[in-house]
């Protein structure tokens, strides 16, 4: 995508969004859907991405990481509690070399907060274990394993971890969810 990361007007962004929705509504699929890659190609892509991270070429949001509106809302709410709260401030790398960035870090509580969208993280209260998302070519169990690995790495690194689900915020409200999160600080 030659224009990725470049600014465009809200009008242009809206037209692009409508065009993409129309494409998918007519049965269009992402070009990568169902595409199988060799382990050598995957490794080459991983090394390329790692180099781009190091060179600061990713620019999808704060700290070079794309952030959802929901995630930013949680960050702003937690920042009211602790002014030192960091957004995408903690990056941990597993022994296997997998790098994870955590959504929010609250230093006074040594707490990492993950803000999970119900669709992107295939909320287990909504999706069955055998669910397969063909548009992203990923199974629910794969997503859950990655999230569990990420959480386990943080815990083994000495952090506390809490996950906030999109549906919890929709049902209970942001302030209620944050209050509950802060009450579990022990």
C-alpha atoms as a PDB file:
ATOM      1  CA  UNK A   1       0.000   0.000   0.000  1.00  0.00           C
ATOM      2  CA  UNK A   2       2.003   2.991  -1.266  1.00  0.00           C
ATOM      3  CA  UNK A   3      -0.057   5.567   0.658  1.00  0.00           C
ATOM      4  CA  UNK A   4      -0.149   3.730   3.986  1.00  0.00           C
ATOM      5  CA  UNK A   5       0.561   6.078   6.858  1.00  0.00           C
ATOM      6  CA  UNK A   6       0.026   9.226   4.804  1.00  0.00           C
ATOM      7  CA  UNK A   7      -2.555  11.731   5.981  1.00  0.00           C
ATOM      8  CA  UNK A   8      -5.772  12.214   4.059  1.00  0.00           C
ATOM      9  CA  UNK A   9      -8.908  14.233   4.653  1.00  0.00           C
ATOM     10  CA  UNK A  10     -11.878  12.869   6.586  1.00  0.00           C
ATOM     11  CA  UNK A  11     -13.893  13.000   3.363  1.00  0.00           C
ATOM     12  CA  UNK A  12     -11.330  10.861   1.534  1.00  0.00           C
ATOM     13  CA  UNK A  13     -11.108   8.450   4.452  1.00  0.00           C
ATOM     14  CA  UNK A  14     -14.928   8.129   4.451  1.00  0.00           C
ATOM     15  CA  UNK A  15     -15.029   7.462   0.673  1.00  0.00           C
ATOM     16  CA  UNK A  16     -12.307   4.818   1.012  1.00  0.00           C
ATOM     17  CA  UNK A  17     -14.201   3.154   3.862  1.00  0.00           C
ATOM     18  CA  UNK A  18     -17.462   3.089   1.870  1.00  0.00           C
ATOM     19  CA  UNK A  19     -15.647   1.689  -1.161  1.00  0.00           C
ATOM     20  CA  UNK A  20     -14.088  -1.107   0.887  1.00  0.00           C
ATOM     21  CA  UNK A  21     -17.450  -1.980   2.483  1.00  0.00           C
ATOM     22  CA  UNK A  22     -19.083  -2.126  -0.951  1.00  0.00           C
ATOM     23  CA  UNK A  23     -16.269  -4.369  -2.240  1.00  0.00           C
ATOM     24  CA  UNK A  24     -16.717  -6.843   0.626  1.00  0.00           C
ATOM     25  CA  UNK A  25     -20.537  -6.685   0.357  1.00  0.00           C
ATOM     26  CA  UNK A  26     -20.235  -7.837  -3.271  1.00  0.00           C
ATOM     27  CA  UNK A  27     -18.211 -10.867  -2.173  1.00  0.00           C
ATOM     28  CA  UNK A  28     -14.725  -9.393  -2.468  1.00  0.00           C
ATOM     29  CA  UNK A  29     -11.996 -10.893  -0.290  1.00  0.00           C
ATOM     30  CA  UNK A  30      -8.676  -9.495   0.919  1.00  0.00           C
ATOM     31  CA  UNK A  31      -5.817 -10.394  -1.419  1.00  0.00           C
ATOM     32  CA  UNK A  32      -4.053 -12.271   1.384  1.00  0.00           C
ATOM     33  CA  UNK A  33      -7.055 -14.434   2.294  1.00  0.00           C
ATOM     34  CA  UNK A  34      -6.173 -18.114   2.060  1.00  0.00           C
ATOM     35  CA  UNK A  35      -2.628 -17.393   0.891  1.00  0.00           C
ATOM     36  CA  UNK A  36      -0.081 -19.845   2.267  1.00  0.00           C
ATOM     37  CA  UNK A  37       3.490 -18.681   2.872  1.00  0.00           C
ATOM     38  CA  UNK A  38       6.608 -20.784   3.240  1.00  0.00           C
ATOM     39  CA  UNK A  39       8.544 -20.685   6.505  1.00  0.00           C
ATOM     40  CA  UNK A  40      11.395 -18.910   4.665  1.00  0.00           C
ATOM     41  CA  UNK A  41       9.015 -16.211   3.423  1.00  0.00           C
ATOM     42  CA  UNK A  42       7.548 -15.776   6.892  1.00  0.00           C
ATOM     43  CA  UNK A  43      11.037 -15.424   8.382  1.00  0.00           C
ATOM     44  CA  UNK A  44      11.990 -12.876   5.701  1.00  0.00           C
ATOM     45  CA  UNK A  45       8.857 -10.855   6.444  1.00  0.00           C
ATOM     46  CA  UNK A  46       9.550 -11.051  10.190  1.00  0.00           C
ATOM     47  CA  UNK A  47      13.114  -9.777   9.733  1.00  0.00           C
ATOM     48  CA  UNK A  48      11.901  -6.996   7.432  1.00  0.00           C
ATOM     49  CA  UNK A  49       9.274  -5.898   9.956  1.00  0.00           C
ATOM     50  CA  UNK A  50      11.812  -6.043  12.802  1.00  0.00           C
ATOM     51  CA  UNK A  51      14.195  -3.824  10.826  1.00  0.00           C
ATOM     52  CA  UNK A  52      11.392  -1.367  10.066  1.00  0.00           C
ATOM     53  CA  UNK A  53      10.499  -1.206  13.778  1.00  0.00           C
ATOM     54  CA  UNK A  54      14.126  -0.466  14.635  1.00  0.00           C
ATOM     55  CA  UNK A  55      14.319   2.258  11.988  1.00  0.00           C
ATOM     56  CA  UNK A  56      11.077   3.846  13.237  1.00  0.00           C
ATOM     57  CA  UNK A  57       9.270   3.388   9.907  1.00  0.00           C
ATOM     58  CA  UNK A  58       5.996   2.236  11.422  1.00  0.00           C
ATOM     59  CA  UNK A  59       3.707   5.173  12.068  1.00  0.00           C
ATOM     60  CA  UNK A  60       0.192   3.962  12.718  1.00  0.00           C
ATOM     61  CA  UNK A  61      -0.378   5.957  15.890  1.00  0.00           C
ATOM     62  CA  UNK A  62       1.268   6.886  19.159  1.00  0.00           C
ATOM     63  CA  UNK A  63       4.689   5.232  19.544  1.00  0.00           C
ATOM     64  CA  UNK A  64       4.336   3.855  15.988  1.00  0.00           C
ATOM     65  CA  UNK A  65       1.560   1.460  16.974  1.00  0.00           C
ATOM     66  CA  UNK A  66      -2.018   1.509  15.769  1.00  0.00           C
ATOM     67  CA  UNK A  67      -4.440   2.117  18.620  1.00  0.00           C
ATOM     68  CA  UNK A  68      -8.206   1.748  18.657  1.00  0.00           C
ATOM     69  CA  UNK A  69     -10.485   4.498  19.917  1.00  0.00           C
ATOM     70  CA  UNK A  70     -11.554   2.176  22.726  1.00  0.00           C
ATOM     71  CA  UNK A  71      -7.956   1.610  23.786  1.00  0.00           C
ATOM     72  CA  UNK A  72      -7.268   5.348  23.776  1.00  0.00           C
ATOM     73  CA  UNK A  73     -10.407   5.943  25.872  1.00  0.00           C
ATOM     74  CA  UNK A  74      -9.265   3.409  28.468  1.00  0.00           C
ATOM     75  CA  UNK A  75      -5.809   5.014  28.521  1.00  0.00           C
ATOM     76  CA  UNK A  76      -7.287   8.492  29.078  1.00  0.00           C
ATOM     77  CA  UNK A  77      -9.513   7.183  31.871  1.00  0.00           C
ATOM     78  CA  UNK A  78      -6.604   5.435  33.611  1.00  0.00           C
ATOM     79  CA  UNK A  79      -4.410   8.513  33.191  1.00  0.00           C
ATOM     80  CA  UNK A  80      -6.879  10.371  35.426  1.00  0.00           C
ATOM     81  CA  UNK A  81      -6.108   7.804  38.133  1.00  0.00           C
ATOM     82  CA  UNK A  82      -2.318   7.832  37.664  1.00  0.00           C
ATOM     83  CA  UNK A  83      -0.673  10.657  35.740  1.00  0.00           C
ATOM     84  CA  UNK A  84       2.352   8.428  34.986  1.00  0.00           C
ATOM     85  CA  UNK A  85       0.211   5.950  33.047  1.00  0.00           C
ATOM     86  CA  UNK A  86       1.823   5.036  29.722  1.00  0.00           C
ATOM     87  CA  UNK A  87       0.118   4.182  26.452  1.00  0.00           C
ATOM     88  CA  UNK A  88       1.897   1.385  24.533  1.00  0.00           C
ATOM     89  CA  UNK A  89       4.800   1.985  26.904  1.00  0.00           C
ATOM     90  CA  UNK A  90       5.893  -1.576  27.585  1.00  0.00           C
ATOM     91  CA  UNK A  91       7.344  -3.955  25.001  1.00  0.00           C
ATOM     92  CA  UNK A  92       8.387  -7.463  26.040  1.00  0.00           C
ATOM     93  CA  UNK A  93      10.106 -10.085  23.918  1.00  0.00           C
ATOM     94  CA  UNK A  94       9.733 -13.807  24.543  1.00  0.00           C
ATOM     95  CA  UNK A  95      12.617 -16.284  24.503  1.00  0.00           C
ATOM     96  CA  UNK A  96      11.391 -17.342  21.040  1.00  0.00           C
ATOM     97  CA  UNK A  97      11.846 -13.761  19.817  1.00  0.00           C
ATOM     98  CA  UNK A  98       8.178 -12.802  19.625  1.00  0.00           C
ATOM     99  CA  UNK A  99       7.695  -9.165  20.580  1.00  0.00           C
ATOM    100  CA  UNK A 100       4.551  -7.956  22.345  1.00  0.00           C
ATOM    101  CA  UNK A 101       3.437  -4.387  23.040  1.00  0.00           C
ATOM    102  CA  UNK A 102       0.997  -3.860  25.882  1.00  0.00           C
ATOM    103  CA  UNK A 103      -1.850  -1.362  25.540  1.00  0.00           C
ATOM    104  CA  UNK A 104      -1.589   0.523  28.838  1.00  0.00           C
ATOM    105  CA  UNK A 105       0.884   0.486  31.742  1.00  0.00           C
ATOM    106  CA  UNK A 106      -0.038   1.869  35.167  1.00  0.00           C
ATOM    107  CA  UNK A 107       3.327   2.145  36.994  1.00  0.00           C
ATOM    108  CA  UNK A 108       1.938   2.763  40.505  1.00  0.00           C
ATOM    109  CA  UNK A 109       0.132  -0.587  40.310  1.00  0.00           C
ATOM    110  CA  UNK A 110       2.764  -2.394  38.206  1.00  0.00           C
ATOM    111  CA  UNK A 111      -0.238  -3.187  36.011  1.00  0.00           C
ATOM    112  CA  UNK A 112      -0.434  -3.902  32.287  1.00  0.00           C
ATOM    113  CA  UNK A 113      -3.921  -3.466  30.830  1.00  0.00           C
ATOM    114  CA  UNK A 114      -4.957  -5.109  27.593  1.00  0.00           C
ATOM    115  CA  UNK A 115      -8.011  -3.652  25.845  1.00  0.00           C
ATOM    116  CA  UNK A 116      -9.470  -6.431  23.700  1.00  0.00           C
ATOM    117  CA  UNK A 117     -12.000  -5.857  20.963  1.00  0.00           C
ATOM    118  CA  UNK A 118     -14.568  -8.641  20.853  1.00  0.00           C
ATOM    119  CA  UNK A 119     -14.016  -9.289  17.131  1.00  0.00           C
ATOM    120  CA  UNK A 120     -10.230  -8.851  16.920  1.00  0.00           C
ATOM    121  CA  UNK A 121      -9.576 -11.071  19.940  1.00  0.00           C
ATOM    122  CA  UNK A 122     -12.572 -13.360  19.293  1.00  0.00           C
ATOM    123  CA  UNK A 123     -14.108 -12.968  22.748  1.00  0.00           C
ATOM    124  CA  UNK A 124     -14.617 -16.498  24.166  1.00  0.00           C
ATOM    125  CA  UNK A 125     -18.014 -15.415  25.523  1.00  0.00           C
ATOM    126  CA  UNK A 126     -19.092 -14.744  21.935  1.00  0.00           C
ATOM    127  CA  UNK A 127     -17.058 -17.142  19.758  1.00  0.00           C
ATOM    128  CA  UNK A 128     -16.700 -20.927  19.989  1.00  0.00           C
ATOM    129  CA  UNK A 129     -13.275 -22.568  20.128  1.00  0.00           C
ATOM    130  CA  UNK A 130     -13.783 -24.038  16.650  1.00  0.00           C
ATOM    131  CA  UNK A 131     -14.582 -20.627  15.099  1.00  0.00           C
ATOM    132  CA  UNK A 132     -12.427 -19.742  12.076  1.00  0.00           C
ATOM    133  CA  UNK A 133     -12.282 -16.150  10.843  1.00  0.00           C
ATOM    134  CA  UNK A 134     -11.770 -16.600   7.106  1.00  0.00           C
ATOM    135  CA  UNK A 135     -11.279 -12.872   6.455  1.00  0.00           C
ATOM    136  CA  UNK A 136      -8.163 -12.906   8.678  1.00  0.00           C
ATOM    137  CA  UNK A 137      -7.344 -16.578   8.102  1.00  0.00           C
ATOM    138  CA  UNK A 138      -7.103 -17.278  11.836  1.00  0.00           C
ATOM    139  CA  UNK A 139      -8.824 -19.582  14.306  1.00  0.00           C
ATOM    140  CA  UNK A 140     -10.170 -18.553  17.686  1.00  0.00           C
ATOM    141  CA  UNK A 141      -7.801 -20.952  19.444  1.00  0.00           C
ATOM    142  CA  UNK A 142      -4.811 -19.348  17.663  1.00  0.00           C
ATOM    143  CA  UNK A 143      -5.880 -15.873  18.795  1.00  0.00           C
ATOM    144  CA  UNK A 144      -6.498 -17.073  22.356  1.00  0.00           C
ATOM    145  CA  UNK A 145      -3.125 -18.844  22.482  1.00  0.00           C
ATOM    146  CA  UNK A 146      -1.301 -15.711  21.351  1.00  0.00           C
ATOM    147  CA  UNK A 147      -3.148 -13.616  23.954  1.00  0.00           C
ATOM    148  CA  UNK A 148      -2.393 -16.226  26.655  1.00  0.00           C
ATOM    149  CA  UNK A 149       1.302 -16.328  25.667  1.00  0.00           C
ATOM    150  CA  UNK A 150       1.436 -12.535  25.864  1.00  0.00           C
ATOM    151  CA  UNK A 151      -0.190 -12.506  29.307  1.00  0.00           C
ATOM    152  CA  UNK A 152       2.071 -15.290  30.594  1.00  0.00           C
ATOM    153  CA  UNK A 153       5.193 -13.437  29.410  1.00  0.00           C
ATOM    154  CA  UNK A 154       4.093 -10.317  31.299  1.00  0.00           C
ATOM    155  CA  UNK A 155       3.367 -12.273  34.480  1.00  0.00           C
ATOM    156  CA  UNK A 156       6.698 -14.107  34.313  1.00  0.00           C
ATOM    157  CA  UNK A 157       8.363 -10.687  33.833  1.00  0.00           C
ATOM    158  CA  UNK A 158       6.880  -9.512  37.139  1.00  0.00           C
ATOM    159  CA  UNK A 159       3.861  -7.502  35.937  1.00  0.00           C
ATOM    160  CA  UNK A 160       0.220  -7.814  36.885  1.00  0.00           C
ATOM    161  CA  UNK A 161      -2.119  -8.108  33.880  1.00  0.00           C
ATOM    162  CA  UNK A 162      -5.797  -7.258  33.472  1.00  0.00           C
ATOM    163  CA  UNK A 163      -7.867  -7.587  30.302  1.00  0.00           C
ATOM    164  CA  UNK A 164     -10.777  -5.300  29.514  1.00  0.00           C
ATOM    165  CA  UNK A 165     -13.240  -6.562  26.896  1.00  0.00           C
ATOM    166  CA  UNK A 166     -15.118  -4.263  24.533  1.00  0.00           C
ATOM    167  CA  UNK A 167     -18.438  -5.897  25.467  1.00  0.00           C
ATOM    168  CA  UNK A 168     -17.862  -5.228  29.187  1.00  0.00           C
ATOM    169  CA  UNK A 169     -17.467  -1.518  28.463  1.00  0.00           C
ATOM    170  CA  UNK A 170     -20.605  -1.543  26.291  1.00  0.00           C
ATOM    171  CA  UNK A 171     -22.654  -3.318  28.964  1.00  0.00           C
ATOM    172  CA  UNK A 172     -21.313  -1.789  32.176  1.00  0.00           C
ATOM    173  CA  UNK A 173     -19.880   1.535  31.002  1.00  0.00           C
ATOM    174  CA  UNK A 174     -16.306   2.782  30.984  1.00  0.00           C
ATOM    175  CA  UNK A 175     -16.219   4.240  34.491  1.00  0.00           C
ATOM    176  CA  UNK A 176     -17.667   1.078  36.053  1.00  0.00           C
ATOM    177  CA  UNK A 177     -15.152  -1.170  34.283  1.00  0.00           C
ATOM    178  CA  UNK A 178     -12.218   1.072  35.230  1.00  0.00           C
ATOM    179  CA  UNK A 179     -13.427   1.294  38.843  1.00  0.00           C
ATOM    180  CA  UNK A 180     -13.632  -2.503  39.001  1.00  0.00           C
ATOM    181  CA  UNK A 181     -10.160  -2.801  37.476  1.00  0.00           C
ATOM    182  CA  UNK A 182      -8.664  -0.424  40.028  1.00  0.00           C
ATOM    183  CA  UNK A 183     -10.380  -2.239  42.919  1.00  0.00           C
ATOM    184  CA  UNK A 184      -8.543  -5.453  41.965  1.00  0.00           C
ATOM    185  CA  UNK A 185      -5.134  -3.859  42.571  1.00  0.00           C
ATOM    186  CA  UNK A 186      -4.005  -6.318  45.228  1.00  0.00           C
END
